[in-house]
C-alpha atoms as a PDB file:
ATOM      1  CA  MET A   1     103.250  23.738  97.383  1.00  0.00           C
ATOM      2  CA  PRO A   2     102.516  23.551 101.140  1.00  0.00           C
ATOM      3  CA  ALA A   3     103.366  26.779 102.950  1.00  0.00           C
ATOM      4  CA  ASP A   4     105.643  24.958 105.381  1.00  0.00           C
ATOM      5  CA  VAL A   5     107.979  23.721 102.631  1.00  0.00           C
ATOM      6  CA  LEU A   6     109.387  26.977 101.284  1.00  0.00           C
ATOM      7  CA  ALA A   7     108.481  30.663 101.112  1.00  0.00           C
ATOM      8  CA  THR A   8     109.834  33.421  98.880  1.00  0.00           C
ATOM      9  CA  HIS A   9     109.675  37.187  98.609  1.00  0.00           C
ATOM     10  CA  VAL A  10     111.598  39.925  96.831  1.00  0.00           C
ATOM     11  CA  THR A  11     112.833  43.180  98.355  1.00  0.00           C
ATOM     12  CA  ASP A  12     115.303  45.723  96.963  1.00  0.00           C
ATOM     13  CA  ARG A  13     115.986  43.431  93.969  1.00  0.00           C
ATOM     14  CA  ILE A  14     116.990  40.669  96.386  1.00  0.00           C
ATOM     15  CA  ALA A  15     115.146  37.347  96.356  1.00  0.00           C
ATOM     16  CA  VAL A  16     114.778  35.861  99.829  1.00  0.00           C
ATOM     17  CA  ILE A  17     114.071  32.125 100.082  1.00  0.00           C
ATOM     18  CA  THR A  18     112.976  30.766 103.454  1.00  0.00           C
ATOM     19  CA  LEU A  19     113.476  27.036 103.960  1.00  0.00           C
ATOM     20  CA  GLY A  20     110.970  25.041 105.961  1.00  0.00           C
ATOM     21  CA  SER A  21     109.032  26.156 109.032  1.00  0.00           C
ATOM     22  CA  PRO A  22     108.790  25.422 112.765  1.00  0.00           C
ATOM     23  CA  THR A  23     106.992  22.187 111.861  1.00  0.00           C
ATOM     24  CA  ARG A  24     109.344  21.233 109.011  1.00  0.00           C
ATOM     25  CA  ILE A  25     113.048  21.421 109.814  1.00  0.00           C
ATOM     26  CA  TYR A  26     114.438  18.734 107.480  1.00  0.00           C
ATOM     27  CA  PHE A  27     115.391  18.828 103.818  1.00  0.00           C
ATOM     28  CA  ASP A  28     113.471  16.337 101.700  1.00  0.00           C
ATOM     29  CA  ALA A  29     112.579  15.750  98.060  1.00  0.00           C
ATOM     30  CA  GLU A  30     109.577  18.072  98.125  1.00  0.00           C
ATOM     31  CA  MET A  31     111.619  20.930  99.539  1.00  0.00           C
ATOM     32  CA  GLY A  32     114.396  20.199  97.059  1.00  0.00           C
ATOM     33  CA  ASP A  33     112.050  20.382  94.083  1.00  0.00           C
ATOM     34  CA  ALA A  34     110.522  23.638  95.322  1.00  0.00           C
ATOM     35  CA  LEU A  35     113.968  25.094  95.952  1.00  0.00           C
ATOM     36  CA  THR A  36     115.163  24.112  92.486  1.00  0.00           C
ATOM     37  CA  ALA A  37     112.133  25.740  90.867  1.00  0.00           C
ATOM     38  CA  ALA A  38     112.590  28.964  92.856  1.00  0.00           C
ATOM     39  CA  LEU A  39     116.317  29.210  92.097  1.00  0.00           C
ATOM     40  CA  ASP A  40     115.737  28.470  88.417  1.00  0.00           C
ATOM     41  CA  GLY A  41     113.236  31.320  88.209  1.00  0.00           C
ATOM     42  CA  TYR A  42     115.488  33.816  89.964  1.00  0.00           C
ATOM     43  CA  ALA A  43     118.546  32.792  87.932  1.00  0.00           C
ATOM     44  CA  GLY A  44     116.889  34.026  84.751  1.00  0.00           C
ATOM     45  CA  ASP A  45     115.181  37.103  86.208  1.00  0.00           C
ATOM     46  CA  SER A  46     117.116  40.251  85.262  1.00  0.00           C
ATOM     47  CA  ASN A  47     115.319  42.190  88.000  1.00  0.00           C
ATOM     48  CA  ILE A  48     116.919  40.022  90.690  1.00  0.00           C
ATOM     49  CA  ARG A  49     120.461  41.014  91.625  1.00  0.00           C
ATOM     50  CA  ALA A  50     121.121  38.639  94.548  1.00  0.00           C
ATOM     51  CA  VAL A  51     119.570  35.679  96.352  1.00  0.00           C
ATOM     52  CA  VAL A  52     119.517  35.111 100.117  1.00  0.00           C
ATOM     53  CA  LEU A  53     118.520  31.823 101.745  1.00  0.00           C
ATOM     54  CA  THR A  54     117.567  31.444 105.387  1.00  0.00           C
ATOM     55  CA  GLY A  55     115.792  29.031 107.707  1.00  0.00           C
ATOM     56  CA  GLY A  56     112.094  29.176 108.518  1.00  0.00           C
ATOM     57  CA  ALA A  57     112.290  27.674 112.023  1.00  0.00           C
ATOM     58  CA  PRO A  58     113.864  29.356 115.048  1.00  0.00           C
ATOM     59  CA  GLY A  59     117.254  27.759 115.681  1.00  0.00           C
ATOM     60  CA  TYR A  60     117.479  26.064 112.270  1.00  0.00           C
ATOM     61  CA  PHE A  61     118.768  26.781 108.783  1.00  0.00           C
ATOM     62  CA  ALA A  62     117.701  23.220 108.013  1.00  0.00           C
ATOM     63  CA  ARG A  63     118.678  20.407 110.346  1.00  0.00           C
ATOM     64  CA  HIS A  64     119.816  17.888 107.720  1.00  0.00           C
ATOM     65  CA  PHE A  65     118.311  15.736 105.007  1.00  0.00           C
ATOM     66  CA  SER A  66     115.399  13.638 106.244  1.00  0.00           C
ATOM     67  CA  ILE A  67     116.744  10.357 107.641  1.00  0.00           C
ATOM     68  CA  THR A  68     113.242   8.898 107.342  1.00  0.00           C
ATOM     69  CA  SER A  69     113.383   9.592 103.606  1.00  0.00           C
ATOM     70  CA  LEU A  70     116.824   7.991 103.339  1.00  0.00           C
ATOM     71  CA  ILE A  71     115.621   4.838 105.114  1.00  0.00           C
ATOM     72  CA  GLN A  72     112.597   4.683 102.808  1.00  0.00           C
ATOM     73  CA  LEU A  73     115.012   4.891  99.870  1.00  0.00           C
ATOM     74  CA  ALA A  74     117.586   2.462 101.263  1.00  0.00           C
ATOM     75  CA  GLU A  75     115.386  -0.434 102.351  1.00  0.00           C
ATOM     76  CA  PRO A  76     113.801  -1.178  98.923  1.00  0.00           C
ATOM     77  CA  LEU A  77     117.167  -0.736  97.211  1.00  0.00           C
ATOM     78  CA  ARG A  78     118.764  -3.176  99.623  1.00  0.00           C
ATOM     79  CA  ALA A  79     115.970  -5.680  98.999  1.00  0.00           C
ATOM     80  CA  SER A  80     116.455  -5.346  95.221  1.00  0.00           C
ATOM     81  CA  GLY A  81     120.050  -6.526  95.436  1.00  0.00           C
ATOM     82  CA  ARG A  82     121.300  -3.615  93.361  1.00  0.00           C
ATOM     83  CA  GLU A  83     124.956  -2.671  93.781  1.00  0.00           C
ATOM     84  CA  TRP A  84     126.968   0.476  93.098  1.00  0.00           C
ATOM     85  CA  PRO A  85     130.457  -0.091  91.680  1.00  0.00           C
ATOM     86  CA  ASP A  86     132.769   2.923  91.788  1.00  0.00           C
ATOM     87  CA  ASN A  87     132.190   3.598  88.081  1.00  0.00           C
ATOM     88  CA  ALA A  88     128.382   3.409  88.182  1.00  0.00           C
ATOM     89  CA  THR A  89     126.628   6.144  86.179  1.00  0.00           C
ATOM     90  CA  TYR A  90     125.915   9.244  88.235  1.00  0.00           C
ATOM     91  CA  ASN A  91     122.438  10.682  87.783  1.00  0.00           C
ATOM     92  CA  ALA A  92     122.015  14.101  89.353  1.00  0.00           C
ATOM     93  CA  GLY A  93     118.935  14.524  91.511  1.00  0.00           C
ATOM     94  CA  PHE A  94     116.903  17.495  92.731  1.00  0.00           C
ATOM     95  CA  PHE A  95     119.474  18.371  95.374  1.00  0.00           C
ATOM     96  CA  ASP A  96     122.250  18.484  92.783  1.00  0.00           C
ATOM     97  CA  ARG A  97     120.216  20.720  90.477  1.00  0.00           C
ATOM     98  CA  ALA A  98     119.532  23.221  93.242  1.00  0.00           C
ATOM     99  CA  MET A  99     123.205  23.382  94.177  1.00  0.00           C
ATOM    100  CA  ALA A 100     124.301  23.663  90.566  1.00  0.00           C
ATOM    101  CA  LEU A 101     121.982  26.649  90.150  1.00  0.00           C
ATOM    102  CA  CYS A 102     123.509  28.351  93.199  1.00  0.00           C
ATOM    103  CA  GLU A 103     126.967  27.903  91.750  1.00  0.00           C
ATOM    104  CA  SER A 104     126.247  28.733  88.133  1.00  0.00           C
ATOM    105  CA  MET A 105     123.724  31.576  88.227  1.00  0.00           C
ATOM    106  CA  PRO A 106     125.322  34.944  87.388  1.00  0.00           C
ATOM    107  CA  LYS A 107     124.243  36.560  90.649  1.00  0.00           C
ATOM    108  CA  PRO A 108     125.531  36.039  94.193  1.00  0.00           C
ATOM    109  CA  VAL A 109     123.812  33.592  96.528  1.00  0.00           C
ATOM    110  CA  VAL A 110     124.169  34.176 100.277  1.00  0.00           C
ATOM    111  CA  ALA A 111     123.277  31.621 102.936  1.00  0.00           C
ATOM    112  CA  ALA A 112     122.066  33.221 106.167  1.00  0.00           C
ATOM    113  CA  ILE A 113     122.677  30.332 108.541  1.00  0.00           C
ATOM    114  CA  SER A 114     120.243  31.033 111.313  1.00  0.00           C
ATOM    115  CA  GLY A 115     120.687  27.815 113.260  1.00  0.00           C
ATOM    116  CA  THR A 116     121.500  24.123 113.002  1.00  0.00           C
ATOM    117  CA  CYS A 117     122.992  23.270 109.618  1.00  0.00           C
ATOM    118  CA  LEU A 118     124.220  19.692 109.369  1.00  0.00           C
ATOM    119  CA  ALA A 119     124.984  17.098 106.716  1.00  0.00           C
ATOM    120  CA  GLY A 120     122.842  17.722 103.607  1.00  0.00           C
ATOM    121  CA  ALA A 121     121.836  21.161 104.824  1.00  0.00           C
ATOM    122  CA  PHE A 122     125.476  22.198 105.150  1.00  0.00           C
ATOM    123  CA  GLU A 123     126.301  20.574 101.821  1.00  0.00           C
ATOM    124  CA  PHE A 124     123.680  22.828 100.273  1.00  0.00           C
ATOM    125  CA  ALA A 125     125.127  25.863 102.117  1.00  0.00           C
ATOM    126  CA  LEU A 126     128.547  24.998 100.657  1.00  0.00           C
ATOM    127  CA  SER A 127     127.122  25.572  97.174  1.00  0.00           C
ATOM    128  CA  CYS A 128     126.189  29.156  98.109  1.00  0.00           C
ATOM    129  CA  ASP A 129     128.739  31.853  97.320  1.00  0.00           C
ATOM    130  CA  LEU A 130     128.795  33.326 100.829  1.00  0.00           C
ATOM    131  CA  ARG A 131     127.831  31.853 104.202  1.00  0.00           C
ATOM    132  CA  ILE A 132     126.944  34.032 107.191  1.00  0.00           C
ATOM    133  CA  ALA A 133     126.192  32.346 110.520  1.00  0.00           C
ATOM    134  CA  GLU A 134     124.706  33.952 113.592  1.00  0.00           C
ATOM    135  CA  ASP A 135     126.279  33.082 116.923  1.00  0.00           C
ATOM    136  CA  GLY A 136     124.313  30.622 118.995  1.00  0.00           C
ATOM    137  CA  ASP A 137     124.136  27.244 120.670  1.00  0.00           C
ATOM    138  CA  TYR A 138     123.870  25.102 117.556  1.00  0.00           C
ATOM    139  CA  LEU A 139     126.099  23.136 115.192  1.00  0.00           C
ATOM    140  CA  ILE A 140     127.387  23.350 111.627  1.00  0.00           C
ATOM    141  CA  GLY A 141     129.173  20.632 109.699  1.00  0.00           C
ATOM    142  CA  LEU A 142     129.288  17.147 108.207  1.00  0.00           C
ATOM    143  CA  PRO A 143     128.678  14.416 110.824  1.00  0.00           C
ATOM    144  CA  GLU A 144     127.727  11.621 108.375  1.00  0.00           C
ATOM    145  CA  THR A 145     130.486   9.276 109.552  1.00  0.00           C
ATOM    146  CA  ASN A 146     128.568   8.893 112.808  1.00  0.00           C
ATOM    147  CA  LEU A 147     125.837   7.121 110.794  1.00  0.00           C
ATOM    148  CA  GLY A 148     128.352   5.000 108.900  1.00  0.00           C
ATOM    149  CA  LEU A 149     127.901   7.155 105.797  1.00  0.00           C
ATOM    150  CA  VAL A 150     129.823   9.684 103.757  1.00  0.00           C
ATOM    151  CA  PRO A 151     128.461  13.099 102.720  1.00  0.00           C
ATOM    152  CA  GLY A 152     126.335  12.267  99.693  1.00  0.00           C
ATOM    153  CA  ALA A 153     125.514  15.657  98.201  1.00  0.00           C
ATOM    154  CA  GLY A 154     128.941  17.024  97.348  1.00  0.00           C
ATOM    155  CA  GLY A 155     130.413  17.532 100.818  1.00  0.00           C
ATOM    156  CA  THR A 156     133.589  15.518 100.137  1.00  0.00           C
ATOM    157  CA  GLN A 157     134.159  17.570  96.978  1.00  0.00           C
ATOM    158  CA  ARG A 158     133.078  21.079  97.968  1.00  0.00           C
ATOM    159  CA  LEU A 159     134.547  21.249 101.470  1.00  0.00           C
ATOM    160  CA  PRO A 160     138.139  20.528 100.287  1.00  0.00           C
ATOM    161  CA  ARG A 161     137.709  23.257  97.694  1.00  0.00           C
ATOM    162  CA  THR A 162     136.582  25.582 100.497  1.00  0.00           C
ATOM    163  CA  ILE A 163     139.024  24.925 103.353  1.00  0.00           C
ATOM    164  CA  GLY A 164     141.660  22.704 101.749  1.00  0.00           C
ATOM    165  CA  ALA A 165     142.004  18.922 101.641  1.00  0.00           C
ATOM    166  CA  PRO A 166     143.817  18.372 104.985  1.00  0.00           C
ATOM    167  CA  ALA A 167     141.301  20.392 107.029  1.00  0.00           C
ATOM    168  CA  ALA A 168     138.352  18.883 105.166  1.00  0.00           C
ATOM    169  CA  LEU A 169     139.654  15.356 105.718  1.00  0.00           C
ATOM    170  CA  MET A 170     139.980  15.959 109.450  1.00  0.00           C
ATOM    171  CA  HIS A 171     136.487  17.449 109.706  1.00  0.00           C
ATOM    172  CA  ILE A 172     134.714  14.762 107.674  1.00  0.00           C
ATOM    173  CA  LEU A 173     136.590  11.816 109.202  1.00  0.00           C
ATOM    174  CA  MET A 174     135.975  12.947 112.764  1.00  0.00           C
ATOM    175  CA  GLY A 175     132.348  13.850 112.124  1.00  0.00           C
ATOM    176  CA  ASP A 176     132.423  16.533 114.806  1.00  0.00           C
ATOM    177  CA  ALA A 177     130.145  19.445 113.911  1.00  0.00           C
ATOM    178  CA  VAL A 178     131.213  22.804 115.353  1.00  0.00           C
ATOM    179  CA  ASN A 179     129.595  25.950 116.730  1.00  0.00           C
ATOM    180  CA  PRO A 180     129.299  29.074 114.534  1.00  0.00           C
ATOM    181  CA  LYS A 181     132.412  30.839 115.868  1.00  0.00           C
ATOM    182  CA  GLU A 182     134.527  27.739 115.321  1.00  0.00           C
ATOM    183  CA  ALA A 183     132.968  27.312 111.876  1.00  0.00           C
ATOM    184  CA  ALA A 184     134.127  30.837 111.001  1.00  0.00           C
ATOM    185  CA  ARG A 185     137.611  30.162 112.381  1.00  0.00           C
ATOM    186  CA  LEU A 186     137.903  26.983 110.313  1.00  0.00           C
ATOM    187  CA  GLY A 187     136.535  28.667 107.173  1.00  0.00           C
ATOM    188  CA  LEU A 188     133.321  26.638 106.950  1.00  0.00           C
ATOM    189  CA  VAL A 189     131.464  29.963 106.966  1.00  0.00           C
ATOM    190  CA  HIS A 190     132.717  33.400 105.977  1.00  0.00           C
ATOM    191  CA  GLU A 191     131.501  35.215 109.088  1.00  0.00           C
ATOM    192  CA  SER A 192     129.794  34.585 112.396  1.00  0.00           C
ATOM    193  CA  VAL A 193     127.799  37.546 113.683  1.00  0.00           C
ATOM    194  CA  SER A 194     126.373  38.454 117.058  1.00  0.00           C
ATOM    195  CA  GLY A 195     123.136  39.719 115.498  1.00  0.00           C
ATOM    196  CA  LYS A 196     120.817  38.061 113.004  1.00  0.00           C
ATOM    197  CA  ALA A 197     122.480  36.238 110.131  1.00  0.00           C
ATOM    198  CA  LEU A 198     119.666  37.378 107.843  1.00  0.00           C
ATOM    199  CA  ASP A 199     120.309  41.041 108.656  1.00  0.00           C
ATOM    200  CA  ARG A 200     123.996  40.715 107.788  1.00  0.00           C
ATOM    201  CA  ALA A 201     123.227  38.644 104.686  1.00  0.00           C
ATOM    202  CA  MET A 202     120.779  41.308 103.471  1.00  0.00           C
ATOM    203  CA  GLU A 203     123.342  44.033 104.140  1.00  0.00           C
ATOM    204  CA  ILE A 204     125.839  42.172 101.955  1.00  0.00           C
ATOM    205  CA  ALA A 205     123.229  41.418  99.295  1.00  0.00           C
ATOM    206  CA  ARG A 206     122.140  45.068  99.079  1.00  0.00           C
ATOM    207  CA  ARG A 207     125.734  46.139  98.577  1.00  0.00           C
ATOM    208  CA  LEU A 208     126.244  43.545  95.853  1.00  0.00           C
ATOM    209  CA  ALA A 209     122.923  44.475  94.249  1.00  0.00           C
ATOM    210  CA  SER A 210     124.148  48.060  93.909  1.00  0.00           C
ATOM    211  CA  ARG A 211     127.080  46.967  91.749  1.00  0.00           C
ATOM    212  CA  PRO A 212     126.884  46.494  87.973  1.00  0.00           C
ATOM    213  CA  PRO A 213     125.547  42.947  87.529  1.00  0.00           C
ATOM    214  CA  GLU A 214     127.985  42.254  84.698  1.00  0.00           C
ATOM    215  CA  SER A 215     130.935  42.840  87.034  1.00  0.00           C
ATOM    216  CA  VAL A 216     129.471  40.674  89.804  1.00  0.00           C
ATOM    217  CA  ALA A 217     128.694  37.884  87.349  1.00  0.00           C
ATOM    218  CA  ALA A 218     132.194  37.986  85.860  1.00  0.00           C
ATOM    219  CA  ILE A 219     133.853  37.819  89.286  1.00  0.00           C
ATOM    220  CA  LYS A 220     131.698  34.879  90.324  1.00  0.00           C
ATOM    221  CA  ARG A 221     132.427  33.048  87.075  1.00  0.00           C
ATOM    222  CA  LEU A 222     136.185  33.589  87.318  1.00  0.00           C
ATOM    223  CA  VAL A 223     136.608  32.695  90.970  1.00  0.00           C
ATOM    224  CA  ARG A 224     134.223  29.750  90.837  1.00  0.00           C
ATOM    225  CA  ASN A 225     136.204  28.218  87.979  1.00  0.00           C
ATOM    226  CA  ALA A 226     139.703  29.135  89.218  1.00  0.00           C
ATOM    227  CA  THR A 227     140.525  25.822  90.898  1.00  0.00           C
ATOM    228  CA  GLU A 228     139.481  23.777  87.864  1.00  0.00           C
ATOM    229  CA  THR A 229     140.806  25.979  85.042  1.00  0.00           C
ATOM    230  CA  PRO A 230     144.433  25.864  83.833  1.00  0.00           C
ATOM    231  CA  LEU A 231     146.176  29.063  84.917  1.00  0.00           C
ATOM    232  CA  ALA A 232     146.903  30.305  81.386  1.00  0.00           C
ATOM    233  CA  GLN A 233     143.287  29.785  80.343  1.00  0.00           C
ATOM    234  CA  GLY A 234     141.999  31.472  83.496  1.00  0.00           C
ATOM    235  CA  LEU A 235     144.292  34.460  83.038  1.00  0.00           C
ATOM    236  CA  ALA A 236     143.185  34.883  79.436  1.00  0.00           C
ATOM    237  CA  LEU A 237     139.511  34.807  80.391  1.00  0.00           C
ATOM    238  CA  GLU A 238     140.131  37.241  83.247  1.00  0.00           C
ATOM    239  CA  ARG A 239     141.848  39.742  80.955  1.00  0.00           C
ATOM    240  CA  ASN A 240     139.143  39.448  78.298  1.00  0.00           C
ATOM    241  CA  LEU A 241     136.355  40.028  80.824  1.00  0.00           C
ATOM    242  CA  PHE A 242     138.351  42.892  82.361  1.00  0.00           C
ATOM    243  CA  LEU A 243     138.638  44.674  79.012  1.00  0.00           C
ATOM    244  CA  LYS A 244     134.993  43.983  78.196  1.00  0.00           C
ATOM    245  CA  LEU A 245     133.951  45.644  81.457  1.00  0.00           C
ATOM    246  CA  CYS A 246     136.431  48.506  80.992  1.00  0.00           C
ATOM    247  CA  ILE A 247     134.631  49.679  77.876  1.00  0.00           C
ATOM    248  CA  SER A 248     131.125  49.161  79.257  1.00  0.00           C
ATOM    249  CA  ASP A 249     128.900  52.098  80.203  1.00  0.00           C
ATOM    250  CA  ALA A 250     128.908  51.109  83.865  1.00  0.00           C
ATOM    251  CA  GLY A 251     132.663  50.585  84.023  1.00  0.00           C
ATOM    252  CA  LEU A 252     133.513  53.876  82.363  1.00  0.00           C
ATOM    253  CA  ALA A 253     130.995  55.807  84.479  1.00  0.00           C
ATOM    254  CA  ARG A 254     132.445  54.437  87.709  1.00  0.00           C
ATOM    255  CA  MET A 255     136.047  55.023  86.689  1.00  0.00           C
ATOM    256  CA  ARG A 256     135.247  58.595  85.672  1.00  0.00           C
ATOM    257  CA  SER A 257     133.421  59.186  88.969  1.00  0.00           C
ATOM    258  CA  TYR A 258     136.401  57.947  90.945  1.00  0.00           C
ATOM    259  CA  GLU A 259     138.839  59.986  88.881  1.00  0.00           C
ATOM    260  CA  ALA A 260     136.766  63.145  89.416  1.00  0.00           C
ATOM    261  CA  ALA A 261     136.767  62.596  93.186  1.00  0.00           C
ATOM    262  CA  ASN A 262     140.601  62.755  93.185  1.00  0.00           C
ATOM    263  CA  ILE A 263     140.986  60.683  96.378  1.00  0.00           C
ATOM    264  CA  THR A 264     144.586  60.744  97.628  1.00  0.00           C
ATOM    265  CA  SER A 265     144.152  59.891 101.304  1.00  0.00           C
ATOM    266  CA  PRO A 266     145.971  56.628 102.181  1.00  0.00           C
ATOM    267  CA  ALA A 267     143.149  55.772 104.592  1.00  0.00           C
ATOM    268  CA  ARG A 268     140.475  55.734 101.874  1.00  0.00           C
ATOM    269  CA  SER A 269     139.874  52.975  99.343  1.00  0.00           C
ATOM    270  CA  ILE A 270     138.402  53.187  95.858  1.00  0.00           C
ATOM    271  CA  GLU A 271     135.092  54.947  96.349  1.00  0.00           C
ATOM    272  CA  VAL A 272     132.346  55.788  93.888  1.00  0.00           C
ATOM    273  CA  ASP A 273     129.271  57.992  94.300  1.00  0.00           C
ATOM    274  CA  GLU A 274     126.539  55.371  93.825  1.00  0.00           C
ATOM    275  CA  ARG A 275     123.889  58.061  93.334  1.00  0.00           C
ATOM    276  CA  LYS A 276     125.640  59.272  90.222  1.00  0.00           C
ATOM    277  CA  VAL A 277     126.612  55.997  88.618  1.00  0.00           C
ATOM    278  CA  ASN A 278     124.089  53.381  89.721  1.00  0.00           C
ATOM    279  CA  ARG A 279     121.354  53.178  87.135  1.00  0.00           C
ATOM    280  CA  GLY A 280     119.489  50.253  88.735  1.00  0.00           C
END
């Protein structure tokens, strides 16, 4: 794999994936395949507790999917005369597999949006569990309508599940990407920060990595499935996972630690001495 496509490293049980480079700012099939392979490896690695993704070029998370690649795909298909009725079979591609891994792996995935993040790049960010954007003069969003297209990698499905159908419809129809602060206000990202997005993303990832992985995985599973699971079924699964964690070594150790601390101050939340209960 060329070094400008994707780079990875692990620190503090956190896998960091860097997309592209100063000479490669667009998503394409090669980057998608490399990203899928990296995510697949980390998903099954018990030593990895969280995954952080960031951009490899100053001012970019990834600009968008390569328009050159789309034209190279579209022109032969147009010449072939093939058509796509609404009920045509859907065959997931590399992009879909990478996003499915982000959503389904039992560990949190944080996007550190370090610059421009449009169209396919933002669609990928929407599949991450948390999105942190650093303030700056760049844009985030889904501007496909300006090219006479629709988001083609899940944007019309994931954005309504993120900010609600009315707000998503307005954003996608207008095709007006927004700056990081406005993206945070609208709910496209969870936070915009004045410092480096990667620093804040790593801070969050380290905190999550210190928690029992079974608890983190259960929360992700429950919340991810909440909008598509009947309430009664979701409540039953929640209670079963709650009781399973209650009797676990990690759950009991943390509850006992909190009970021993005897915190009664109204200004203090549930606090646990990580040195005593975190077993790595």
